[in-house]
């Protein structure tokens, strides 16, 4: 990994590595600067005997530089979401046993009040409020030695799982897992040096990091931009000659809605270089893919499946040469095996729903300091994903929902995704979440929480929607329907825990 950086620092020297359009407009780092800055920070880490280093930043050039410097120094990076509640940040810092924190100055005061005994470094510093600042470290005129203590077999980072199914867990990943996942990204999507990658999803989630690594390993340019409006996103893609994007479901829904209602006119933009759009992080509705392909008929498309515990995406993917079938996740990626856990046995039989289990080259090492949880999900080299699915006769994998999301109504197993995909076909629906809430007679009942498209706010739609749902089999029919804005985490997943808590009380 560090050899790639050295190579491009020499061969591409003054070429742009990252253009940051969000933290500071037009903040640019060249390949040579990326190497020099990360070397200076690696030396700082070495001199101060830092070992377990948190990065509490939104996407920016500095995030990448700090991450690479931690890899160079042979230590452990702990990316943390700066938008979390302070108590959640504190819990993650303590769980990972951080000794050093690189933090955006906007939230630095809160962190300093808790951790005055740790090494604290502010980034984007406006005033002197910490022990050290990133800007001071990289502006040092001392000659940098090319420190490289990276080791493929050693732990490289601790990423926290998204936590939508409970408390986030500290997932330990090796450098080898990062490298293999990044190279698989190159293989799966045919990435080349000339590609320009739009990095919009937050790097404190493993999926975004792995997609960026595909760009890094090919020496491609990365554009950093925080998604705001559909128009601005398309404008950024056109003006910066972006060729590859990885987008979250809500962003894609917004772009399609803007096209459908006429707010966004694609003919006004030159998007001829935008060759690939891929999605993941949550189930992607088949109908949405069909709509996207109608809007962008010449564009390649891929769906990726992965978990933090598998070092992100690529263990299953559809491939850029075909369109997935309904509910399809795809085929196993390079080096991966997929099984279905049914009645205590891992099977490869077709059309039987069970828990998806994975075996491959980039499985996590462990949950940090959590032996019991590690043993619950890792067994004989298999990762138990908590996702339900099935195989077809060609070995393709299909998604049937989260194991914890199964609704049991009078002894009948109900898979919410089937109901959600039906309701999404209703003309006014932006998105929907189907959950079960306790019921004394039936055990659980089905309810659907519906988020309408912005142009449909009329509550009279409730009657129409109820009539539409009558076409579902009686046992799959929601007993209650609600209109609401669906809560999501930072990578766009609907948080059903919040919905269960809220609607169980109604």
Protein backbone atom coordinates (compact mmCIF):
# COMPACT_ATOMS: atom_id res chain seq x y z
CA UNK A 1 0.00 0.00 0.00
CA UNK A 2 2.74 2.44 0.99
CA UNK A 3 4.76 1.30 -2.03
CA UNK A 4 1.88 2.50 -4.25
CA UNK A 5 2.05 5.91 -2.60
CA UNK A 6 5.83 6.10 -3.07
CA UNK A 7 5.49 5.06 -6.71
CA UNK A 8 2.92 7.74 -7.55
CA UNK A 9 4.72 10.38 -5.49
CA UNK A 10 7.67 9.85 -7.86
CA UNK A 11 5.93 9.14 -11.19
CA UNK A 12 2.96 11.52 -10.83
CA UNK A 13 4.69 14.04 -8.54
CA UNK A 14 2.68 17.24 -9.21
CA UNK A 15 -0.47 15.51 -10.41
CA UNK A 16 -3.54 15.95 -8.24
CA UNK A 17 -4.31 13.07 -5.89
CA UNK A 18 -7.28 14.63 -4.06
CA UNK A 19 -9.45 17.66 -4.73
CA UNK A 20 -11.58 18.57 -1.71
CA UNK A 21 -14.69 20.55 -2.63
CA UNK A 22 -16.33 20.47 0.78
CA UNK A 23 -14.12 21.32 3.77
CA UNK A 24 -12.22 24.07 1.98
CA UNK A 25 -13.27 24.65 -1.63
CA UNK A 26 -10.60 23.65 -4.11
CA UNK A 27 -8.21 22.35 -1.45
CA UNK A 28 -5.83 20.25 -3.55
CA UNK A 29 -3.19 17.69 -2.54
CA UNK A 30 -0.75 16.30 -5.10
CA UNK A 31 0.69 12.79 -4.95
CA UNK A 32 4.04 14.17 -3.83
CA UNK A 33 2.41 16.25 -1.07
CA UNK A 34 0.36 13.27 0.05
CA UNK A 35 3.58 11.30 0.49
CA UNK A 36 5.50 14.14 2.22
CA UNK A 37 2.68 15.14 4.58
CA UNK A 38 1.90 11.56 5.58
CA UNK A 39 5.63 10.96 6.19
CA UNK A 40 5.84 13.98 8.50
CA UNK A 41 2.83 12.84 10.48
CA UNK A 42 4.19 9.26 10.61
CA UNK A 43 7.43 10.64 12.08
CA UNK A 44 5.38 12.63 14.62
CA UNK A 45 3.49 9.46 15.57
CA UNK A 46 6.75 7.54 15.92
CA UNK A 47 8.46 10.23 18.01
CA UNK A 48 5.51 10.51 20.39
CA UNK A 49 5.03 6.74 20.68
CA UNK A 50 1.41 6.89 19.55
CA UNK A 51 -0.13 3.45 18.99
CA UNK A 52 -3.90 3.57 18.72
CA UNK A 53 -4.94 6.69 16.83
CA UNK A 54 -8.47 7.98 16.35
CA UNK A 55 -9.51 10.09 13.35
CA UNK A 56 -12.58 12.16 14.21
CA UNK A 57 -13.09 14.07 10.96
CA UNK A 58 -15.50 14.38 8.10
CA UNK A 59 -14.11 13.63 4.64
CA UNK A 60 -11.17 15.86 3.74
CA UNK A 61 -7.64 15.64 2.33
CA UNK A 62 -6.32 15.57 5.89
CA UNK A 63 -8.35 12.42 6.67
CA UNK A 64 -6.55 10.51 3.91
CA UNK A 65 -3.15 11.91 4.88
CA UNK A 66 -3.56 10.96 8.54
CA UNK A 67 -4.82 7.47 7.66
CA UNK A 68 -1.82 6.81 5.39
CA UNK A 69 0.56 8.13 8.05
CA UNK A 70 -0.83 5.66 10.60
CA UNK A 71 -0.32 2.82 8.10
CA UNK A 72 3.26 4.01 7.48
CA UNK A 73 4.01 4.03 11.20
CA UNK A 74 2.71 0.48 11.62
CA UNK A 75 0.05 1.49 14.13
CA UNK A 76 -3.74 1.25 14.33
CA UNK A 77 -6.20 3.78 12.86
CA UNK A 78 -9.60 4.18 14.51
CA UNK A 79 -11.97 6.19 12.27
CA UNK A 80 -14.91 7.65 14.21
CA UNK A 81 -18.00 9.52 13.05
CA UNK A 82 -17.67 13.15 14.28
CA UNK A 83 -21.42 13.65 14.00
CA UNK A 84 -22.25 11.11 16.67
CA UNK A 85 -23.39 12.11 20.11
CA UNK A 86 -20.47 12.88 22.42
CA UNK A 87 -21.31 9.92 24.66
CA UNK A 88 -21.18 7.55 21.65
CA UNK A 89 -17.81 9.00 20.60
CA UNK A 90 -16.54 8.56 24.13
CA UNK A 91 -17.71 4.96 24.25
CA UNK A 92 -15.95 4.14 20.96
CA UNK A 93 -12.71 5.85 22.01
CA UNK A 94 -12.73 3.90 25.26
CA UNK A 95 -13.63 0.60 23.59
CA UNK A 96 -10.74 0.92 21.14
CA UNK A 97 -8.38 2.16 23.91
CA UNK A 98 -7.19 5.14 21.87
CA UNK A 99 -4.12 7.02 23.09
CA UNK A 100 -4.05 9.70 20.36
CA UNK A 101 -6.84 11.68 18.72
CA UNK A 102 -6.82 13.73 15.51
CA UNK A 103 -9.99 15.81 15.71
CA UNK A 104 -11.66 18.65 13.82
CA UNK A 105 -11.29 21.87 15.79
CA UNK A 106 -15.08 22.41 15.72
CA UNK A 107 -15.64 19.61 18.21
CA UNK A 108 -12.20 19.62 19.81
CA UNK A 109 -13.24 21.42 23.00
CA UNK A 110 -15.68 18.66 23.89
CA UNK A 111 -13.05 15.98 23.35
CA UNK A 112 -10.39 17.88 25.31
CA UNK A 113 -12.68 18.22 28.30
CA UNK A 114 -12.87 14.44 28.50
CA UNK A 115 -9.39 13.37 27.40
CA UNK A 116 -6.82 15.84 28.65
CA UNK A 117 -4.42 12.99 29.37
CA UNK A 118 -4.27 11.82 25.74
CA UNK A 119 -2.28 13.10 22.77
CA UNK A 120 -4.63 15.54 21.02
CA UNK A 121 -4.09 17.02 17.56
CA UNK A 122 -6.52 19.50 16.01
CA UNK A 123 -7.19 19.67 12.28
CA UNK A 124 -8.41 22.76 10.38
CA UNK A 125 -7.24 24.74 13.41
CA UNK A 126 -8.58 28.26 13.80
CA UNK A 127 -6.98 28.91 17.17
CA UNK A 128 -4.54 27.24 19.56
CA UNK A 129 -6.66 24.93 21.69
CA UNK A 130 -4.72 21.67 21.69
CA UNK A 131 -1.36 20.11 22.35
CA UNK A 132 -0.54 20.04 18.62
CA UNK A 133 -2.10 21.00 15.32
CA UNK A 134 -2.04 19.14 12.02
CA UNK A 135 -1.04 22.33 10.22
CA UNK A 136 2.04 22.81 12.42
CA UNK A 137 3.16 19.21 11.91
CA UNK A 138 2.99 19.24 8.10
CA UNK A 139 4.57 22.69 7.85
CA UNK A 140 7.72 21.54 9.67
CA UNK A 141 10.77 22.10 7.44
CA UNK A 142 12.62 19.08 8.79
CA UNK A 143 13.66 16.52 6.20
CA UNK A 144 11.37 13.51 6.37
CA UNK A 145 12.80 10.04 6.43
CA UNK A 146 10.62 7.62 4.50
CA UNK A 147 9.36 5.75 7.54
CA UNK A 148 7.54 2.56 6.57
CA UNK A 149 6.68 0.08 9.29
CA UNK A 150 3.59 -1.20 7.51
CA UNK A 151 3.08 -4.96 7.85
CA UNK A 152 0.40 -6.82 5.90
CA UNK A 153 -0.19 -9.28 8.72
CA UNK A 154 -0.63 -6.69 11.46
CA UNK A 155 -3.80 -4.95 12.59
CA UNK A 156 -4.19 -1.73 10.59
CA UNK A 157 -7.49 -0.30 11.76
CA UNK A 158 -10.51 -0.66 13.98
CA UNK A 159 -13.77 0.23 12.27
CA UNK A 160 -17.02 0.41 14.17
CA UNK A 161 -20.02 -1.43 12.75
CA UNK A 162 -22.96 0.80 11.88
CA UNK A 163 -24.85 -0.19 15.02
CA UNK A 164 -28.38 -0.31 13.53
CA UNK A 165 -28.87 -3.76 15.10
CA UNK A 166 -27.49 -2.83 18.51
CA UNK A 167 -24.40 -1.24 20.03
CA UNK A 168 -21.62 -0.68 17.49
CA UNK A 169 -18.80 -3.24 17.73
CA UNK A 170 -15.08 -2.59 17.25
CA UNK A 171 -14.05 -4.56 14.14
CA UNK A 172 -10.31 -5.28 13.87
CA UNK A 173 -8.99 -5.40 10.27
CA UNK A 174 -5.50 -6.19 9.03
CA UNK A 175 -3.57 -4.27 6.39
CA UNK A 176 -3.71 -7.34 4.17
CA UNK A 177 -7.51 -7.25 4.26
CA UNK A 178 -7.50 -3.59 3.21
CA UNK A 179 -5.10 -4.24 0.34
CA UNK A 180 -7.02 -7.26 -0.97
CA UNK A 181 -10.36 -5.46 -0.74
CA UNK A 182 -8.95 -2.43 -2.54
CA UNK A 183 -7.46 -4.56 -5.31
CA UNK A 184 -10.74 -6.47 -5.70
CA UNK A 185 -12.40 -3.09 -6.18
CA UNK A 186 -10.01 -2.46 -9.08
CA UNK A 187 -10.78 -5.87 -10.58
CA UNK A 188 -14.56 -5.76 -10.09
CA UNK A 189 -14.95 -2.32 -11.66
CA UNK A 190 -12.14 -2.23 -14.19
CA UNK A 191 -10.60 0.84 -12.62
CA UNK A 192 -7.83 2.66 -14.44
CA UNK A 193 -5.51 5.59 -13.77
CA UNK A 194 -7.63 7.87 -15.96
CA UNK A 195 -10.75 7.28 -13.82
CA UNK A 196 -11.96 10.08 -11.56
CA UNK A 197 -13.70 8.86 -8.41
CA UNK A 198 -16.31 10.87 -6.51
CA UNK A 199 -15.80 10.18 -2.80
CA UNK A 200 -19.07 11.31 -1.20
CA UNK A 201 -19.82 8.65 1.41
CA UNK A 202 -18.05 9.13 4.78
CA UNK A 203 -14.62 7.52 5.09
CA UNK A 204 -15.31 6.55 8.69
CA UNK A 205 -17.37 3.73 7.14
CA UNK A 206 -15.33 0.88 5.69
CA UNK A 207 -17.25 0.78 2.38
CA UNK A 208 -16.21 4.31 1.46
CA UNK A 209 -12.57 3.58 2.35
CA UNK A 210 -12.46 0.44 0.19
CA UNK A 211 -14.03 2.22 -2.78
CA UNK A 212 -11.45 5.00 -2.39
CA UNK A 213 -8.66 2.38 -2.22
CA UNK A 214 -9.63 1.27 -5.72
CA UNK A 215 -8.84 4.79 -6.90
CA UNK A 216 -5.68 4.96 -4.77
CA UNK A 217 -4.18 1.72 -6.13
CA UNK A 218 -4.63 2.85 -9.74
CA UNK A 219 -3.29 6.36 -9.14
CA UNK A 220 -6.61 7.94 -10.04
CA UNK A 221 -7.90 11.34 -8.98
CA UNK A 222 -10.37 11.53 -6.08
CA UNK A 223 -12.95 14.31 -5.83
CA UNK A 224 -14.33 14.83 -2.32
CA UNK A 225 -17.80 16.29 -2.10
CA UNK A 226 -20.60 16.11 0.45
CA UNK A 227 -23.89 15.32 -1.29
CA UNK A 228 -26.41 18.14 -0.90
CA UNK A 229 -28.91 18.56 -3.75
CA UNK A 230 -29.38 16.46 -6.91
CA UNK A 231 -28.62 19.43 -9.15
CA UNK A 232 -25.37 20.27 -7.36
CA UNK A 233 -24.28 16.62 -7.35
CA UNK A 234 -24.79 16.25 -11.10
CA UNK A 235 -23.07 19.59 -11.64
CA UNK A 236 -20.03 18.41 -9.63
CA UNK A 237 -19.88 15.15 -11.61
CA UNK A 238 -20.05 17.00 -14.94
CA UNK A 239 -17.62 19.82 -14.09
CA UNK A 240 -14.98 17.50 -12.59
CA UNK A 241 -15.22 14.82 -15.30
CA UNK A 242 -16.11 12.16 -12.75
CA UNK A 243 -16.19 8.63 -14.19
CA UNK A 244 -16.96 6.48 -11.11
CA UNK A 245 -19.42 7.08 -8.29
CA UNK A 246 -20.55 5.06 -5.31
CA UNK A 247 -23.82 6.42 -3.99
CA UNK A 248 -26.11 5.69 -1.10
CA UNK A 249 -29.74 4.83 -1.67
CA UNK A 250 -31.28 8.15 -0.46
CA UNK A 251 -29.07 10.16 -2.82
CA UNK A 252 -30.08 8.02 -5.79
CA UNK A 253 -33.75 8.30 -4.87
CA UNK A 254 -33.44 12.08 -4.73
CA UNK A 255 -31.71 12.27 -8.13
CA UNK A 256 -34.37 10.08 -9.78
CA UNK A 257 -37.18 12.12 -8.17
CA UNK A 258 -35.60 15.36 -9.40
CA UNK A 259 -35.38 13.94 -12.93
CA UNK A 260 -38.96 12.66 -12.85
CA UNK A 261 -40.46 15.93 -11.63
CA UNK A 262 -38.44 18.03 -14.07
CA UNK A 263 -36.24 19.84 -11.53
CA UNK A 264 -33.15 18.15 -13.00
CA UNK A 265 -32.64 18.13 -16.76
CA UNK A 266 -29.77 15.81 -17.68
CA UNK A 267 -29.40 17.25 -21.18
CA UNK A 268 -28.00 20.43 -19.61
CA UNK A 269 -24.90 18.55 -18.37
CA UNK A 270 -22.04 16.76 -20.10
CA UNK A 271 -21.99 13.40 -18.34
CA UNK A 272 -20.30 11.45 -21.13
CA UNK A 273 -17.34 10.42 -18.92
CA UNK A 274 -19.52 9.07 -16.10
CA UNK A 275 -19.14 5.38 -16.94
CA UNK A 276 -19.99 3.56 -13.68
CA UNK A 277 -22.46 3.92 -10.85
CA UNK A 278 -22.38 1.36 -8.08
CA UNK A 279 -24.41 1.06 -4.92
CA UNK A 280 -24.45 -0.89 -1.68
CA UNK A 281 -24.53 -0.49 2.13
CA UNK A 282 -28.16 -1.68 2.15
CA UNK A 283 -30.60 -3.61 -0.10
CA UNK A 284 -31.14 -1.80 -3.40
CA UNK A 285 -34.72 -2.08 -4.74
CA UNK A 286 -34.92 -3.68 -8.17
CA UNK A 287 -37.40 -1.02 -9.32
CA UNK A 288 -34.94 1.74 -8.46
CA UNK A 289 -32.23 0.08 -10.57
CA UNK A 290 -34.66 -0.12 -13.49
CA UNK A 291 -35.45 3.58 -13.15
CA UNK A 292 -31.76 4.48 -12.98
CA UNK A 293 -30.99 2.48 -16.11
CA UNK A 294 -33.81 4.26 -17.94
CA UNK A 295 -32.27 7.61 -16.95
CA UNK A 296 -28.69 6.49 -17.73
CA UNK A 297 -29.00 3.71 -20.34
CA UNK A 298 -25.33 3.74 -21.38
CA UNK A 299 -23.91 3.66 -17.87
CA UNK A 300 -22.43 0.59 -16.20
CA UNK A 301 -24.04 -0.37 -12.91
CA UNK A 302 -23.07 -2.67 -10.05
CA UNK A 303 -24.52 -3.70 -6.71
CA UNK A 304 -22.07 -4.56 -3.92
CA UNK A 305 -22.70 -6.55 -0.77
CA UNK A 306 -20.45 -6.58 2.26
CA UNK A 307 -20.11 -5.89 5.96
CA UNK A 308 -17.62 -4.10 8.15
CA UNK A 309 -16.65 -7.60 9.33
CA UNK A 310 -15.75 -8.60 5.75
CA UNK A 311 -13.71 -5.43 5.15
CA UNK A 312 -16.57 -3.89 3.28
CA UNK A 313 -17.95 -4.50 -0.22
CA UNK A 314 -16.97 -6.99 -2.87
CA UNK A 315 -17.49 -10.35 -1.17
CA UNK A 316 -20.68 -10.56 -3.23
CA UNK A 317 -21.46 -8.34 -6.21
CA UNK A 318 -23.54 -8.48 -9.38
CA UNK A 319 -20.88 -7.31 -11.86
CA UNK A 320 -20.82 -4.43 -14.31
CA UNK A 321 -21.75 -6.58 -17.30
CA UNK A 322 -25.30 -7.41 -16.21
CA UNK A 323 -28.37 -6.10 -14.38
CA UNK A 324 -29.40 -7.93 -11.20
CA UNK A 325 -32.62 -9.87 -10.89
CA UNK A 326 -35.13 -8.98 -8.21
CA UNK A 327 -33.63 -9.40 -4.69
CA UNK A 328 -30.30 -10.51 -6.21
CA UNK A 329 -27.05 -9.63 -4.43
CA UNK A 330 -24.86 -11.31 -7.06
CA UNK A 331 -22.14 -13.94 -7.09
CA UNK A 332 -19.21 -14.47 -4.70
CA UNK A 333 -16.26 -12.16 -5.36
CA UNK A 334 -12.68 -13.27 -5.97
CA UNK A 335 -11.61 -15.73 -3.26
CA UNK A 336 -15.01 -15.82 -1.55
CA UNK A 337 -17.39 -18.69 -0.72
CA UNK A 338 -21.04 -18.25 0.21
CA UNK A 339 -23.21 -20.71 2.10
CA UNK A 340 -26.69 -20.73 3.61
CA UNK A 341 -26.96 -21.79 7.25
CA UNK A 342 -30.10 -23.92 7.62
CA UNK A 343 -31.06 -25.96 10.69
CA UNK A 344 -27.53 -26.08 12.07
CA UNK A 345 -25.82 -26.96 8.75
CA UNK A 346 -24.12 -24.82 6.10
CA UNK A 347 -25.71 -25.73 2.75
CA UNK A 348 -25.44 -24.80 -0.91
CA UNK A 349 -28.95 -25.96 -1.78
CA UNK A 350 -31.12 -23.75 -3.98
CA UNK A 351 -34.23 -21.78 -3.03
CA UNK A 352 -34.15 -22.41 0.72
CA UNK A 353 -33.97 -19.34 2.96
CA UNK A 354 -31.37 -19.31 5.75
CA UNK A 355 -28.61 -17.14 7.17
CA UNK A 356 -25.96 -16.01 4.68
CA UNK A 357 -22.48 -17.11 5.76
CA UNK A 358 -19.22 -16.02 4.15
CA UNK A 359 -15.70 -17.39 3.96
CA UNK A 360 -12.96 -15.36 2.29
CA UNK A 361 -9.61 -13.58 2.38
CA UNK A 362 -10.63 -10.36 4.15
CA UNK A 363 -12.65 -11.46 7.16
CA UNK A 364 -12.08 -9.44 10.30
CA UNK A 365 -9.58 -10.67 12.85
CA UNK A 366 -11.97 -10.15 15.78
CA UNK A 367 -14.18 -7.77 17.67
CA UNK A 368 -11.67 -5.93 19.83
CA UNK A 369 -11.65 -7.18 23.43
CA UNK A 370 -14.94 -9.04 22.86
CA UNK A 371 -14.23 -12.77 22.73
CA UNK A 372 -17.85 -13.82 23.20
CA UNK A 373 -19.23 -11.68 20.34
CA UNK A 374 -16.36 -12.77 18.06
CA UNK A 375 -17.17 -16.43 18.64
CA UNK A 376 -20.84 -15.84 17.90
CA UNK A 377 -20.14 -14.63 14.35
CA UNK A 378 -16.87 -16.41 13.42
CA UNK A 379 -16.90 -20.21 13.33
CA UNK A 380 -14.53 -22.53 11.41
CA UNK A 381 -13.55 -19.65 9.12
CA UNK A 382 -17.17 -18.71 8.33
CA UNK A 383 -18.68 -15.33 9.08
CA UNK A 384 -22.32 -15.45 10.16
CA UNK A 385 -23.73 -12.25 8.67
CA UNK A 386 -27.13 -11.98 10.35
CA UNK A 387 -28.63 -11.53 6.87
CA UNK A 388 -31.13 -13.97 5.43
CA UNK A 389 -30.92 -15.15 1.85
CA UNK A 390 -30.97 -18.05 -0.56
CA UNK A 391 -29.11 -19.36 -3.62
CA UNK A 392 -30.44 -20.16 -7.06
CA UNK A 393 -29.32 -23.10 -9.20
CA UNK A 394 -26.54 -20.96 -10.72
CA UNK A 395 -25.07 -20.09 -7.31
CA UNK A 396 -26.33 -16.51 -7.32
CA UNK A 397 -27.19 -15.06 -3.93
CA UNK A 398 -30.53 -13.40 -3.12
CA UNK A 399 -31.43 -11.27 -0.12
CA UNK A 400 -34.42 -12.02 2.12
CA UNK A 401 -33.89 -9.54 4.95
CA UNK A 402 -32.18 -9.20 8.32
CA UNK A 403 -32.43 -12.17 10.64
CA UNK A 404 -33.45 -9.81 13.45
CA UNK A 405 -36.10 -8.21 11.20
CA UNK A 406 -38.19 -11.36 10.73
CA UNK A 407 -41.76 -10.75 11.86
CA UNK A 408 -43.57 -13.75 13.36
CA UNK A 409 -47.34 -13.37 13.07
CA UNK A 410 -49.27 -16.22 14.64
CA UNK A 411 -46.33 -18.56 14.06
CA UNK A 412 -45.86 -17.48 10.41
CA UNK A 413 -42.45 -16.10 9.40
CA UNK A 414 -42.80 -12.83 7.46
CA UNK A 415 -39.87 -11.29 5.56
CA UNK A 416 -40.33 -7.47 5.58
CA UNK A 417 -38.37 -6.90 2.37
CA UNK A 418 -41.09 -8.61 0.29
CA UNK A 419 -43.75 -6.25 1.65
CA UNK A 420 -41.43 -3.21 1.38
CA UNK A 421 -40.69 -3.88 -2.26
CA UNK A 422 -44.41 -4.17 -3.03
CA UNK A 423 -45.30 -0.92 -1.25
CA UNK A 424 -42.43 0.92 -2.99
CA UNK A 425 -44.25 0.42 -6.30
CA UNK A 426 -47.03 2.76 -5.15
CA UNK A 427 -46.62 5.98 -7.12
CA UNK A 428 -46.24 8.39 -4.17
CA UNK A 429 -43.72 6.39 -2.12
CA UNK A 430 -40.16 7.58 -1.56
CA UNK A 431 -39.27 4.77 0.87
CA UNK A 432 -40.86 2.44 3.40
CA UNK A 433 -39.90 0.38 6.45
CA UNK A 434 -41.93 -2.63 7.55
CA UNK A 435 -41.51 -3.76 11.16
CA UNK A 436 -43.21 -5.98 13.68
CA UNK A 437 -44.51 -4.69 16.99
CA UNK A 438 -45.66 -6.84 19.95
CA UNK A 439 -49.23 -8.09 20.03
CA UNK A 440 -50.73 -10.24 22.81
CA UNK A 441 -52.84 -12.40 20.50
CA UNK A 442 -50.59 -12.86 17.45
CA UNK A 443 -47.14 -12.34 18.99
CA UNK A 444 -46.44 -9.55 16.50
CA UNK A 445 -48.35 -7.53 13.97
CA UNK A 446 -47.05 -5.93 10.78
CA UNK A 447 -46.89 -2.15 10.49
CA UNK A 448 -45.52 -0.04 7.64
CA UNK A 449 -43.95 3.39 8.08
CA UNK A 450 -44.05 5.23 4.77
CA UNK A 451 -42.05 8.25 3.64
CA UNK A 452 -43.77 10.05 0.77
CA UNK A 453 -42.12 11.85 -2.10
CA UNK A 454 -41.88 15.56 -1.41
CA UNK A 455 -44.65 16.46 -3.84
CA UNK A 456 -47.12 14.16 -2.05
CA UNK A 457 -48.01 15.38 1.42
CA UNK A 458 -51.78 14.81 1.29
CA UNK A 459 -52.94 12.51 4.10
CA UNK A 460 -55.81 11.44 1.83
CA UNK A 461 -53.26 9.10 0.24
CA UNK A 462 -53.63 6.87 3.29
CA UNK A 463 -56.96 5.54 2.02
CA UNK A 464 -55.48 4.82 -1.43
CA UNK A 465 -52.45 3.10 0.08
CA UNK A 466 -54.59 0.89 2.30
CA UNK A 467 -56.59 -0.15 -0.75
CA UNK A 468 -53.36 -0.85 -2.64
CA UNK A 469 -52.10 -3.08 0.19
CA UNK A 470 -55.29 -5.18 0.03
CA UNK A 471 -53.73 -6.95 -2.96
CA UNK A 472 -51.16 -8.48 -0.60
CA UNK A 473 -51.97 -11.87 0.93
CA UNK A 474 -53.85 -11.35 4.19
CA UNK A 475 -50.99 -12.63 6.37
CA UNK A 476 -48.56 -10.14 4.73
CA UNK A 477 -50.88 -7.16 4.90
CA UNK A 478 -49.81 -4.33 7.26
CA UNK A 479 -52.36 -3.86 10.03
CA UNK A 480 -51.30 -0.24 10.44
CA UNK A 481 -49.87 2.37 8.08
CA UNK A 482 -48.11 5.57 9.14
CA UNK A 483 -46.61 8.50 7.23
CA UNK A 484 -43.30 9.65 8.68
CA UNK A 485 -39.74 10.65 7.80
CA UNK A 486 -37.61 7.51 8.08
CA UNK A 487 -34.62 7.78 10.45
CA UNK A 488 -31.29 6.88 8.88
CA UNK A 489 -27.72 6.45 9.99
CA UNK A 490 -24.79 8.23 8.33
CA UNK A 491 -24.64 5.83 5.38
CA UNK A 492 -28.33 5.98 4.65
CA UNK A 493 -29.56 2.78 6.30
CA UNK A 494 -32.99 2.98 7.85
CA UNK A 495 -32.70 2.56 11.62
CA UNK A 496 -35.49 0.15 12.47
CA UNK A 497 -34.52 0.12 16.15
CA UNK A 498 -35.68 3.74 16.40
CA UNK A 499 -38.92 2.88 14.58
CA UNK A 500 -39.64 -0.12 16.81
CA UNK A 501 -39.10 2.00 19.91
CA UNK A 502 -41.31 4.79 18.60
CA UNK A 503 -44.21 2.77 17.18
CA UNK A 504 -44.38 0.09 19.87
CA UNK A 505 -45.69 2.84 22.15
CA UNK A 506 -48.53 3.89 19.80
